[in-house]
């Protein structure tokens, strides 16, 4: 009787499990299997296409190596992926406080990139510190020496007004007053209010000379032509200014600071 009591819990468990045998549940004892069998039984289904042994490492098929990369065309080709803005130019042409005025930011995405300020290779016989203006390409170069120059985009005089030759930048002025020459006043009566007899136009963001002006002399005489800033950034790279050399305001400030006293200038 005591024997039956001892085996009754085991017997009860066996009786309880017996009905489950009809479910055909297979629980393999993987701990007792070989490593190869373990891999075979536990490998995910999607690793086992028909006829493929999952234990074998499939070689990577040979493919031709691409010789070119598909890039988005960007303004400066400085990165893969989507076009990006050049952070250096963004800083150069951002909003700037200058004297009592604030220069508005230039929308550089709307300016042709070759007309933005940049150091370039430039071979010339001119001395460092000389300004060279190429009227064909609409570039102003400040010769640095050692085959380098700082290049700026400019707007130049309309056909019939453009000045060419060799001279000197006799003096330069921050935030200049604008006084139209007598010839201009006679041609354009609407500027008479800013004539010399009326005191000229006050400095400011709307002044045609912009943030800086550099006055070009030849043989000791004022040529009446200037290198100057402009609020009209769209004129850069074009022939629109009557006899003058226009620059973006941020660029003319930069040139002013770099330019030596009585710098030579060549317009060709």
C-alpha atoms as a PDB file:
ATOM      1  CA  UNK A   1       0.000   0.000   0.000  1.00  0.00           C
ATOM      2  CA  UNK A   2       2.804   2.349   0.867  1.00  0.00           C
ATOM      3  CA  UNK A   3       4.451   1.420  -2.466  1.00  0.00           C
ATOM      4  CA  UNK A   4       1.329   2.457  -4.363  1.00  0.00           C
ATOM      5  CA  UNK A   5       1.297   5.786  -2.523  1.00  0.00           C
ATOM      6  CA  UNK A   6       4.871   6.410  -3.566  1.00  0.00           C
ATOM      7  CA  UNK A   7       4.282   5.713  -7.258  1.00  0.00           C
ATOM      8  CA  UNK A   8       0.824   7.314  -7.511  1.00  0.00           C
ATOM      9  CA  UNK A   9       2.127  10.867  -8.327  1.00  0.00           C
ATOM     10  CA  UNK A  10       4.314   9.477 -11.113  1.00  0.00           C
ATOM     11  CA  UNK A  11       1.481   7.396 -12.442  1.00  0.00           C
ATOM     12  CA  UNK A  12      -0.815  10.396 -12.380  1.00  0.00           C
ATOM     13  CA  UNK A  13       1.655  12.462 -14.383  1.00  0.00           C
ATOM     14  CA  UNK A  14       2.012   9.714 -16.984  1.00  0.00           C
ATOM     15  CA  UNK A  15      -1.755   9.432 -17.284  1.00  0.00           C
ATOM     16  CA  UNK A  16      -2.051  13.235 -17.747  1.00  0.00           C
ATOM     17  CA  UNK A  17       0.586  13.304 -20.475  1.00  0.00           C
ATOM     18  CA  UNK A  18      -0.761  10.301 -22.339  1.00  0.00           C
ATOM     19  CA  UNK A  19      -3.565  12.156 -24.213  1.00  0.00           C
ATOM     20  CA  UNK A  20      -0.999  14.620 -25.643  1.00  0.00           C
ATOM     21  CA  UNK A  21       0.796  11.866 -27.539  1.00  0.00           C
ATOM     22  CA  UNK A  22      -1.796  12.132 -30.278  1.00  0.00           C
ATOM     23  CA  UNK A  23      -0.549  15.694 -31.122  1.00  0.00           C
ATOM     24  CA  UNK A  24       2.760  14.266 -32.403  1.00  0.00           C
ATOM     25  CA  UNK A  25       4.845  17.013 -30.728  1.00  0.00           C
ATOM     26  CA  UNK A  26       8.547  16.545 -31.437  1.00  0.00           C
ATOM     27  CA  UNK A  27      10.997  18.241 -29.136  1.00  0.00           C
ATOM     28  CA  UNK A  28      14.489  17.217 -30.258  1.00  0.00           C
ATOM     29  CA  UNK A  29      17.220  16.997 -27.726  1.00  0.00           C
ATOM     30  CA  UNK A  30      19.585  19.357 -29.517  1.00  0.00           C
ATOM     31  CA  UNK A  31      22.093  19.211 -26.733  1.00  0.00           C
ATOM     32  CA  UNK A  32      22.823  15.612 -27.656  1.00  0.00           C
ATOM     33  CA  UNK A  33      23.152  16.274 -31.397  1.00  0.00           C
ATOM     34  CA  UNK A  34      26.273  17.000 -33.409  1.00  0.00           C
ATOM     35  CA  UNK A  35      27.112  20.647 -34.266  1.00  0.00           C
ATOM     36  CA  UNK A  36      26.288  19.994 -37.917  1.00  0.00           C
ATOM     37  CA  UNK A  37      22.819  18.739 -37.039  1.00  0.00           C
ATOM     38  CA  UNK A  38      22.297  21.676 -34.693  1.00  0.00           C
ATOM     39  CA  UNK A  39      23.024  24.120 -37.525  1.00  0.00           C
ATOM     40  CA  UNK A  40      20.718  22.270 -39.886  1.00  0.00           C
ATOM     41  CA  UNK A  41      17.794  22.170 -37.458  1.00  0.00           C
ATOM     42  CA  UNK A  42      18.085  25.740 -36.176  1.00  0.00           C
ATOM     43  CA  UNK A  43      18.900  27.569 -39.400  1.00  0.00           C
ATOM     44  CA  UNK A  44      16.027  29.925 -40.454  1.00  0.00           C
ATOM     45  CA  UNK A  45      13.835  28.676 -43.251  1.00  0.00           C
ATOM     46  CA  UNK A  46      14.698  31.589 -45.555  1.00  0.00           C
ATOM     47  CA  UNK A  47      18.364  30.571 -45.394  1.00  0.00           C
ATOM     48  CA  UNK A  48      17.531  27.186 -46.883  1.00  0.00           C
ATOM     49  CA  UNK A  49      16.372  27.395 -50.497  1.00  0.00           C
ATOM     50  CA  UNK A  50      15.636  23.996 -52.046  1.00  0.00           C
ATOM     51  CA  UNK A  51      18.756  22.033 -52.846  1.00  0.00           C
ATOM     52  CA  UNK A  52      21.120  24.337 -50.928  1.00  0.00           C
ATOM     53  CA  UNK A  53      23.107  23.136 -47.968  1.00  0.00           C
ATOM     54  CA  UNK A  54      22.895  25.902 -45.308  1.00  0.00           C
ATOM     55  CA  UNK A  55      26.190  24.797 -43.837  1.00  0.00           C
ATOM     56  CA  UNK A  56      28.113  25.864 -46.897  1.00  0.00           C
ATOM     57  CA  UNK A  57      29.058  29.493 -47.457  1.00  0.00           C
ATOM     58  CA  UNK A  58      27.936  30.591 -50.892  1.00  0.00           C
ATOM     59  CA  UNK A  59      30.540  32.607 -52.814  1.00  0.00           C
ATOM     60  CA  UNK A  60      29.690  36.151 -53.921  1.00  0.00           C
ATOM     61  CA  UNK A  61      29.125  36.111 -57.683  1.00  0.00           C
ATOM     62  CA  UNK A  62      31.628  38.062 -59.763  1.00  0.00           C
ATOM     63  CA  UNK A  63      30.310  41.457 -60.837  1.00  0.00           C
ATOM     64  CA  UNK A  64      31.951  44.226 -62.870  1.00  0.00           C
ATOM     65  CA  UNK A  65      33.292  47.063 -60.740  1.00  0.00           C
ATOM     66  CA  UNK A  66      31.562  50.349 -61.683  1.00  0.00           C
ATOM     67  CA  UNK A  67      34.030  52.818 -63.166  1.00  0.00           C
ATOM     68  CA  UNK A  68      31.924  55.925 -62.605  1.00  0.00           C
ATOM     69  CA  UNK A  69      29.733  57.155 -59.786  1.00  0.00           C
ATOM     70  CA  UNK A  70      26.326  58.615 -60.342  1.00  0.00           C
ATOM     71  CA  UNK A  71      26.433  62.017 -58.681  1.00  0.00           C
ATOM     72  CA  UNK A  72      23.905  64.774 -58.475  1.00  0.00           C
ATOM     73  CA  UNK A  73      25.326  67.781 -60.245  1.00  0.00           C
ATOM     74  CA  UNK A  74      26.105  70.326 -57.549  1.00  0.00           C
ATOM     75  CA  UNK A  75      27.424  73.822 -57.759  1.00  0.00           C
ATOM     76  CA  UNK A  76      30.733  72.938 -56.153  1.00  0.00           C
ATOM     77  CA  UNK A  77      30.911  69.124 -56.537  1.00  0.00           C
ATOM     78  CA  UNK A  78      32.006  68.814 -52.924  1.00  0.00           C
ATOM     79  CA  UNK A  79      29.880  65.898 -51.767  1.00  0.00           C
ATOM     80  CA  UNK A  80      27.833  62.910 -52.785  1.00  0.00           C
ATOM     81  CA  UNK A  81      24.063  62.959 -52.609  1.00  0.00           C
ATOM     82  CA  UNK A  82      21.814  65.967 -52.806  1.00  0.00           C
ATOM     83  CA  UNK A  83      23.175  69.398 -53.781  1.00  0.00           C
ATOM     84  CA  UNK A  84      24.466  71.435 -50.861  1.00  0.00           C
ATOM     85  CA  UNK A  85      25.318  75.092 -50.307  1.00  0.00           C
ATOM     86  CA  UNK A  86      28.946  76.095 -49.951  1.00  0.00           C
ATOM     87  CA  UNK A  87      29.336  77.184 -46.307  1.00  0.00           C
ATOM     88  CA  UNK A  88      32.335  79.396 -47.107  1.00  0.00           C
ATOM     89  CA  UNK A  89      30.390  81.463 -49.617  1.00  0.00           C
ATOM     90  CA  UNK A  90      27.396  81.535 -47.299  1.00  0.00           C
ATOM     91  CA  UNK A  91      29.614  83.208 -44.694  1.00  0.00           C
ATOM     92  CA  UNK A  92      31.233  85.550 -47.235  1.00  0.00           C
ATOM     93  CA  UNK A  93      27.958  86.844 -48.566  1.00  0.00           C
ATOM     94  CA  UNK A  94      25.758  86.703 -45.492  1.00  0.00           C
ATOM     95  CA  UNK A  95      24.322  89.730 -43.720  1.00  0.00           C
ATOM     96  CA  UNK A  96      27.138  91.952 -42.452  1.00  0.00           C
ATOM     97  CA  UNK A  97      27.270  94.955 -40.182  1.00  0.00           C
ATOM     98  CA  UNK A  98      29.572  97.651 -41.607  1.00  0.00           C
ATOM     99  CA  UNK A  99      30.012 101.075 -40.031  1.00  0.00           C
ATOM    100  CA  UNK A 100      26.467 102.401 -39.464  1.00  0.00           C
ATOM    101  CA  UNK A 101      24.873 100.146 -42.081  1.00  0.00           C
ATOM    102  CA  UNK A 102      23.880  96.513 -42.400  1.00  0.00           C
ATOM    103  CA  UNK A 103      24.650  94.894 -45.727  1.00  0.00           C
ATOM    104  CA  UNK A 104      21.865  92.494 -46.684  1.00  0.00           C
ATOM    105  CA  UNK A 105      22.781  88.925 -47.568  1.00  0.00           C
ATOM    106  CA  UNK A 106      23.397  88.160 -51.231  1.00  0.00           C
ATOM    107  CA  UNK A 107      21.263  85.317 -52.662  1.00  0.00           C
ATOM    108  CA  UNK A 108      24.346  83.459 -53.881  1.00  0.00           C
ATOM    109  CA  UNK A 109      22.272  80.628 -55.349  1.00  0.00           C
ATOM    110  CA  UNK A 110      21.134  83.163 -57.963  1.00  0.00           C
ATOM    111  CA  UNK A 111      24.639  84.405 -58.799  1.00  0.00           C
ATOM    112  CA  UNK A 112      26.697  82.433 -61.302  1.00  0.00           C
ATOM    113  CA  UNK A 113      29.362  80.650 -59.222  1.00  0.00           C
ATOM    114  CA  UNK A 114      32.309  81.865 -61.302  1.00  0.00           C
ATOM    115  CA  UNK A 115      31.505  85.435 -60.232  1.00  0.00           C
ATOM    116  CA  UNK A 116      31.821  84.672 -56.522  1.00  0.00           C
ATOM    117  CA  UNK A 117      35.039  85.633 -54.745  1.00  0.00           C
ATOM    118  CA  UNK A 118      37.769  82.993 -54.883  1.00  0.00           C
ATOM    119  CA  UNK A 119      41.534  82.617 -55.004  1.00  0.00           C
ATOM    120  CA  UNK A 120      42.705  81.317 -58.380  1.00  0.00           C
ATOM    121  CA  UNK A 121      45.859  80.489 -60.290  1.00  0.00           C
ATOM    122  CA  UNK A 122      46.875  83.576 -62.259  1.00  0.00           C
ATOM    123  CA  UNK A 123      50.057  84.031 -64.247  1.00  0.00           C
ATOM    124  CA  UNK A 124      50.942  87.663 -64.921  1.00  0.00           C
ATOM    125  CA  UNK A 125      53.878  90.025 -65.103  1.00  0.00           C
ATOM    126  CA  UNK A 126      52.031  92.617 -62.999  1.00  0.00           C
ATOM    127  CA  UNK A 127      53.335  93.320 -59.508  1.00  0.00           C
ATOM    128  CA  UNK A 128      51.524  92.020 -56.406  1.00  0.00           C
ATOM    129  CA  UNK A 129      48.884  94.516 -55.301  1.00  0.00           C
ATOM    130  CA  UNK A 130      47.951  95.441 -58.880  1.00  0.00           C
ATOM    131  CA  UNK A 131      44.293  95.322 -59.907  1.00  0.00           C
ATOM    132  CA  UNK A 132      43.643  93.787 -63.324  1.00  0.00           C
ATOM    133  CA  UNK A 133      40.167  93.973 -64.859  1.00  0.00           C
ATOM    134  CA  UNK A 134      39.355  91.630 -67.726  1.00  0.00           C
ATOM    135  CA  UNK A 135      36.408  93.200 -69.534  1.00  0.00           C
ATOM    136  CA  UNK A 136      35.767  90.105 -71.654  1.00  0.00           C
ATOM    137  CA  UNK A 137      35.340  87.687 -68.785  1.00  0.00           C
ATOM    138  CA  UNK A 138      33.915  90.239 -66.303  1.00  0.00           C
ATOM    139  CA  UNK A 139      36.569  89.415 -63.705  1.00  0.00           C
ATOM    140  CA  UNK A 140      38.613  91.659 -61.428  1.00  0.00           C
ATOM    141  CA  UNK A 141      41.906  90.191 -60.218  1.00  0.00           C
ATOM    142  CA  UNK A 142      43.960  91.405 -57.287  1.00  0.00           C
ATOM    143  CA  UNK A 143      47.438  90.042 -57.984  1.00  0.00           C
ATOM    144  CA  UNK A 144      48.884  88.252 -54.949  1.00  0.00           C
ATOM    145  CA  UNK A 145      52.126  86.941 -56.412  1.00  0.00           C
ATOM    146  CA  UNK A 146      53.438  83.384 -56.635  1.00  0.00           C
ATOM    147  CA  UNK A 147      51.040  82.678 -59.475  1.00  0.00           C
ATOM    148  CA  UNK A 148      47.932  83.457 -57.418  1.00  0.00           C
ATOM    149  CA  UNK A 149      45.254  86.159 -57.439  1.00  0.00           C
ATOM    150  CA  UNK A 150      42.012  86.914 -55.664  1.00  0.00           C
ATOM    151  CA  UNK A 151      39.259  86.974 -58.281  1.00  0.00           C
ATOM    152  CA  UNK A 152      35.951  88.841 -58.083  1.00  0.00           C
ATOM    153  CA  UNK A 153      33.038  89.038 -60.476  1.00  0.00           C
ATOM    154  CA  UNK A 154      32.187  92.558 -61.684  1.00  0.00           C
ATOM    155  CA  UNK A 155      29.683  94.481 -63.764  1.00  0.00           C
ATOM    156  CA  UNK A 156      31.184  96.759 -66.416  1.00  0.00           C
ATOM    157  CA  UNK A 157      30.286  99.842 -68.433  1.00  0.00           C
ATOM    158  CA  UNK A 158      27.814  99.625 -71.279  1.00  0.00           C
ATOM    159  CA  UNK A 159      29.172  99.586 -74.828  1.00  0.00           C
ATOM    160  CA  UNK A 160      30.471 103.083 -75.599  1.00  0.00           C
ATOM    161  CA  UNK A 161      31.064 103.952 -71.918  1.00  0.00           C
ATOM    162  CA  UNK A 162      33.549 101.292 -70.790  1.00  0.00           C
ATOM    163  CA  UNK A 163      36.954 102.676 -69.808  1.00  0.00           C
ATOM    164  CA  UNK A 164      40.184 100.858 -70.655  1.00  0.00           C
ATOM    165  CA  UNK A 165      43.804 101.605 -69.927  1.00  0.00           C
ATOM    166  CA  UNK A 166      46.352 101.798 -67.134  1.00  0.00           C
ATOM    167  CA  UNK A 167      46.007 104.068 -64.139  1.00  0.00           C
ATOM    168  CA  UNK A 168      46.208 104.258 -60.380  1.00  0.00           C
ATOM    169  CA  UNK A 169      43.636 104.061 -57.609  1.00  0.00           C
ATOM    170  CA  UNK A 170      44.400 107.514 -56.253  1.00  0.00           C
ATOM    171  CA  UNK A 171      42.185 107.227 -53.215  1.00  0.00           C
ATOM    172  CA  UNK A 172      39.418 105.122 -51.762  1.00  0.00           C
ATOM    173  CA  UNK A 173      36.421 105.926 -49.615  1.00  0.00           C
ATOM    174  CA  UNK A 174      34.124 104.089 -47.202  1.00  0.00           C
ATOM    175  CA  UNK A 175      30.417 104.710 -47.735  1.00  0.00           C
ATOM    176  CA  UNK A 176      30.975 107.514 -50.256  1.00  0.00           C
ATOM    177  CA  UNK A 177      28.607 110.205 -51.392  1.00  0.00           C
ATOM    178  CA  UNK A 178      27.579 109.944 -55.015  1.00  0.00           C
ATOM    179  CA  UNK A 179      27.842 112.976 -57.266  1.00  0.00           C
ATOM    180  CA  UNK A 180      26.952 112.361 -60.917  1.00  0.00           C
ATOM    181  CA  UNK A 181      29.294 114.040 -63.423  1.00  0.00           C
ATOM    182  CA  UNK A 182      28.056 117.058 -65.369  1.00  0.00           C
ATOM    183  CA  UNK A 183      27.784 114.993 -68.553  1.00  0.00           C
ATOM    184  CA  UNK A 184      25.440 112.548 -66.842  1.00  0.00           C
ATOM    185  CA  UNK A 185      23.305 115.339 -65.412  1.00  0.00           C
ATOM    186  CA  UNK A 186      22.915 116.810 -68.895  1.00  0.00           C
ATOM    187  CA  UNK A 187      21.901 113.418 -70.305  1.00  0.00           C
ATOM    188  CA  UNK A 188      19.696 112.420 -67.390  1.00  0.00           C
ATOM    189  CA  UNK A 189      17.928 115.413 -65.830  1.00  0.00           C
ATOM    190  CA  UNK A 190      16.368 113.131 -63.199  1.00  0.00           C
ATOM    191  CA  UNK A 191      19.721 112.927 -61.377  1.00  0.00           C
ATOM    192  CA  UNK A 192      20.062 116.711 -61.108  1.00  0.00           C
ATOM    193  CA  UNK A 193      18.874 116.524 -57.490  1.00  0.00           C
ATOM    194  CA  UNK A 194      22.127 114.711 -56.683  1.00  0.00           C
ATOM    195  CA  UNK A 195      24.441 117.031 -58.617  1.00  0.00           C
ATOM    196  CA  UNK A 196      27.486 118.621 -57.011  1.00  0.00           C
ATOM    197  CA  UNK A 197      25.664 121.915 -56.587  1.00  0.00           C
ATOM    198  CA  UNK A 198      22.984 120.072 -54.622  1.00  0.00           C
ATOM    199  CA  UNK A 199      25.428 118.209 -52.397  1.00  0.00           C
ATOM    200  CA  UNK A 200      25.247 114.772 -54.008  1.00  0.00           C
ATOM    201  CA  UNK A 201      23.491 111.668 -52.667  1.00  0.00           C
ATOM    202  CA  UNK A 202      24.005 110.681 -49.043  1.00  0.00           C
ATOM    203  CA  UNK A 203      25.803 107.408 -48.255  1.00  0.00           C
ATOM    204  CA  UNK A 204      23.549 104.409 -47.796  1.00  0.00           C
ATOM    205  CA  UNK A 205      22.340 101.095 -49.101  1.00  0.00           C
ATOM    206  CA  UNK A 206      20.590 102.738 -52.069  1.00  0.00           C
ATOM    207  CA  UNK A 207      23.565 104.884 -53.035  1.00  0.00           C
ATOM    208  CA  UNK A 208      24.829 103.753 -56.481  1.00  0.00           C
ATOM    209  CA  UNK A 209      28.418 103.618 -55.177  1.00  0.00           C
ATOM    210  CA  UNK A 210      27.514 101.137 -52.466  1.00  0.00           C
ATOM    211  CA  UNK A 211      29.700 100.439 -49.443  1.00  0.00           C
ATOM    212  CA  UNK A 212      33.060 101.486 -50.936  1.00  0.00           C
ATOM    213  CA  UNK A 213      34.433 103.479 -53.847  1.00  0.00           C
ATOM    214  CA  UNK A 214      37.911 103.515 -55.374  1.00  0.00           C
ATOM    215  CA  UNK A 215      38.714 106.442 -57.643  1.00  0.00           C
ATOM    216  CA  UNK A 216      40.728 105.783 -60.808  1.00  0.00           C
ATOM    217  CA  UNK A 217      43.208 108.433 -61.973  1.00  0.00           C
ATOM    218  CA  UNK A 218      45.414 108.501 -65.051  1.00  0.00           C
ATOM    219  CA  UNK A 219      48.352 110.871 -65.497  1.00  0.00           C
ATOM    220  CA  UNK A 220      47.226 112.713 -62.367  1.00  0.00           C
ATOM    221  CA  UNK A 221      43.716 113.367 -63.698  1.00  0.00           C
ATOM    222  CA  UNK A 222      40.458 111.886 -62.437  1.00  0.00           C
ATOM    223  CA  UNK A 223      39.053 109.596 -65.116  1.00  0.00           C
ATOM    224  CA  UNK A 224      35.600 109.892 -63.478  1.00  0.00           C
ATOM    225  CA  UNK A 225      35.430 106.098 -63.394  1.00  0.00           C
ATOM    226  CA  UNK A 226      35.247 104.109 -60.186  1.00  0.00           C
ATOM    227  CA  UNK A 227      35.449 100.675 -58.710  1.00  0.00           C
ATOM    228  CA  UNK A 228      32.502 100.621 -56.363  1.00  0.00           C
ATOM    229  CA  UNK A 229      29.895  98.520 -54.642  1.00  0.00           C
ATOM    230  CA  UNK A 230      26.313  98.182 -55.721  1.00  0.00           C
ATOM    231  CA  UNK A 231      23.000  97.164 -54.171  1.00  0.00           C
ATOM    232  CA  UNK A 232      22.099  95.647 -57.556  1.00  0.00           C
ATOM    233  CA  UNK A 233      23.689  92.194 -57.233  1.00  0.00           C
ATOM    234  CA  UNK A 234      21.984  91.086 -60.461  1.00  0.00           C
ATOM    235  CA  UNK A 235      24.233  93.403 -62.486  1.00  0.00           C
ATOM    236  CA  UNK A 236      27.375  91.403 -61.657  1.00  0.00           C
ATOM    237  CA  UNK A 237      28.764  89.701 -64.744  1.00  0.00           C
ATOM    238  CA  UNK A 238      26.921  92.073 -67.079  1.00  0.00           C
ATOM    239  CA  UNK A 239      27.636  95.267 -69.019  1.00  0.00           C
ATOM    240  CA  UNK A 240      25.205  97.651 -67.364  1.00  0.00           C
ATOM    241  CA  UNK A 241      27.086 100.350 -65.456  1.00  0.00           C
ATOM    242  CA  UNK A 242      27.957 103.626 -67.175  1.00  0.00           C
ATOM    243  CA  UNK A 243      31.719 103.542 -67.222  1.00  0.00           C
ATOM    244  CA  UNK A 244      32.191 102.129 -63.727  1.00  0.00           C
ATOM    245  CA  UNK A 245      33.281  98.783 -62.325  1.00  0.00           C
ATOM    246  CA  UNK A 246      30.598  97.381 -60.062  1.00  0.00           C
ATOM    247  CA  UNK A 247      31.155  94.794 -57.349  1.00  0.00           C
ATOM    248  CA  UNK A 248      28.978  93.034 -54.822  1.00  0.00           C
ATOM    249  CA  UNK A 249      29.045  95.109 -51.641  1.00  0.00           C
ATOM    250  CA  UNK A 250      30.606  92.280 -49.626  1.00  0.00           C
ATOM    251  CA  UNK A 251      33.300  91.941 -52.301  1.00  0.00           C
ATOM    252  CA  UNK A 252      34.132  95.624 -52.560  1.00  0.00           C
ATOM    253  CA  UNK A 253      34.574  95.757 -48.774  1.00  0.00           C
ATOM    254  CA  UNK A 254      36.956  92.804 -49.012  1.00  0.00           C
ATOM    255  CA  UNK A 255      38.913  94.393 -51.878  1.00  0.00           C
ATOM    256  CA  UNK A 256      39.103  97.732 -50.052  1.00  0.00           C
ATOM    257  CA  UNK A 257      40.701  96.051 -47.038  1.00  0.00           C
ATOM    258  CA  UNK A 258      43.255  94.174 -49.164  1.00  0.00           C
ATOM    259  CA  UNK A 259      44.209  96.999 -51.494  1.00  0.00           C
ATOM    260  CA  UNK A 260      47.516  98.833 -50.897  1.00  0.00           C
ATOM    261  CA  UNK A 261      47.679 102.619 -51.129  1.00  0.00           C
ATOM    262  CA  UNK A 262      47.954 104.030 -54.656  1.00  0.00           C
ATOM    263  CA  UNK A 263      47.519 100.608 -56.209  1.00  0.00           C
ATOM    264  CA  UNK A 264      48.056 100.306 -59.940  1.00  0.00           C
ATOM    265  CA  UNK A 265      45.118  99.269 -62.088  1.00  0.00           C
ATOM    266  CA  UNK A 266      44.925  97.821 -65.581  1.00  0.00           C
ATOM    267  CA  UNK A 267      41.635  97.579 -67.467  1.00  0.00           C
ATOM    268  CA  UNK A 268      41.863  95.530 -70.641  1.00  0.00           C
END
